[in-house]
Amino acid sequence: MVKTREQEVEHVLDMIRPALALDMGDIKLVKVEDDTVYLELLGACSTCPVPDITMKDVIIVAIKNFLPWVKKVQIGQHKFDISTL
């Protein structure tokens, strides 16, 4: 069975969610357009004082490692060009 890009992203997010849940947070896939993934932080993650650490050290690393077709990730208002990381 061929997975859609949305399903591929959801699979990676499912791997990340347990770590976010430890701090009462979650992450939602908003949409996938071309090579860009749009995400939203939920729960405690949405008001976290250090979201950049979570985004760069957990979410961005996982997406870059598992989904080589993704070039950019936007999480809320934060944009990351992961093709240069």
Protein backbone atom coordinates (compact mmCIF):
# COMPACT_ATOMS: atom_id res chain seq x y z
CA MET A 1 0.00 0.00 0.00
CA VAL A 2 1.34 3.41 -0.98
CA LYS A 3 1.18 6.00 1.77
CA THR A 4 0.22 9.59 1.11
CA ARG A 5 2.56 12.32 2.27
CA GLU A 6 0.05 13.18 5.00
CA GLN A 7 0.15 9.57 6.24
CA GLU A 8 3.96 9.62 6.21
CA VAL A 9 3.99 12.80 8.31
CA GLU A 10 1.39 11.39 10.72
CA HIS A 11 3.52 8.28 11.17
CA VAL A 12 6.51 10.41 12.23
CA LEU A 13 4.31 12.57 14.46
CA ASP A 14 3.03 9.41 16.15
CA MET A 15 6.62 8.66 17.13
CA ILE A 16 7.04 12.17 18.58
CA ARG A 17 3.72 12.42 20.42
CA PRO A 18 4.68 10.30 23.47
CA ALA A 19 7.57 12.68 24.26
CA LEU A 20 5.29 15.71 23.92
CA ALA A 21 2.59 14.03 26.02
CA LEU A 22 5.02 13.77 28.93
CA ASP A 23 4.73 17.56 29.18
CA MET A 24 0.97 17.56 28.47
CA GLY A 25 1.46 18.63 24.86
CA ASP A 26 0.68 17.39 21.39
CA ILE A 27 1.21 18.25 17.75
CA LYS A 28 -1.25 18.42 14.87
CA LEU A 29 -0.68 18.14 11.14
CA VAL A 30 -2.38 21.13 9.53
CA LYS A 31 -1.46 20.39 5.91
CA VAL A 32 1.20 19.29 3.48
CA GLU A 33 1.87 21.44 0.42
CA ASP A 34 4.54 20.33 -2.02
CA ASP A 35 7.67 19.86 0.13
CA THR A 36 6.42 21.91 3.10
CA VAL A 37 4.77 20.50 6.24
CA TYR A 38 2.55 22.77 8.35
CA LEU A 39 2.14 21.80 12.00
CA GLU A 40 0.50 23.23 15.09
CA LEU A 41 1.61 22.72 18.69
CA LEU A 42 -1.23 21.87 21.08
CA GLY A 43 -1.77 21.69 24.82
CA ALA A 44 1.12 22.74 27.01
CA CYS A 45 3.39 22.81 23.96
CA SER A 46 1.44 25.76 22.56
CA THR A 47 2.42 27.93 25.53
CA CYS A 48 5.86 26.45 26.20
CA PRO A 49 8.50 29.10 27.02
CA VAL A 50 11.14 27.19 25.02
CA PRO A 51 9.32 25.84 21.94
CA ASP A 52 12.37 26.32 19.71
CA ILE A 53 14.21 23.58 21.59
CA THR A 54 11.32 21.16 21.11
CA MET A 55 10.97 22.09 17.46
CA LYS A 56 14.63 21.91 16.52
CA ASP A 57 15.77 19.05 18.73
CA VAL A 58 12.78 16.74 18.44
CA ILE A 59 10.33 17.56 15.67
CA ILE A 60 12.68 18.89 13.00
CA VAL A 61 15.27 16.15 13.58
CA ALA A 62 12.64 13.40 13.30
CA ILE A 63 11.08 14.84 10.16
CA LYS A 64 14.47 15.37 8.51
CA ASN A 65 15.61 11.82 9.36
CA PHE A 66 12.44 10.00 8.29
CA LEU A 67 11.06 12.18 5.48
CA PRO A 68 13.82 13.28 3.10
CA TRP A 69 11.30 14.85 0.70
CA VAL A 70 10.42 17.55 3.28
CA LYS A 71 12.35 20.77 2.69
CA LYS A 72 10.48 23.15 5.00
CA VAL A 73 8.49 22.85 8.21
CA GLN A 74 6.24 25.55 9.57
CA ILE A 75 5.10 25.15 13.16
CA GLY A 76 2.69 27.94 14.01
CA GLN A 77 4.53 31.14 13.15
CA HIS A 78 7.98 29.48 13.17
CA LYS A 79 9.45 28.50 9.79
CA PHE A 80 12.36 26.11 9.37
CA ASP A 81 14.18 25.42 6.13
CA ILE A 82 15.41 21.92 6.95
CA SER A 83 17.07 21.38 3.61
CA THR A 84 19.92 23.57 4.88
CA LEU A 85 20.19 22.09 8.37
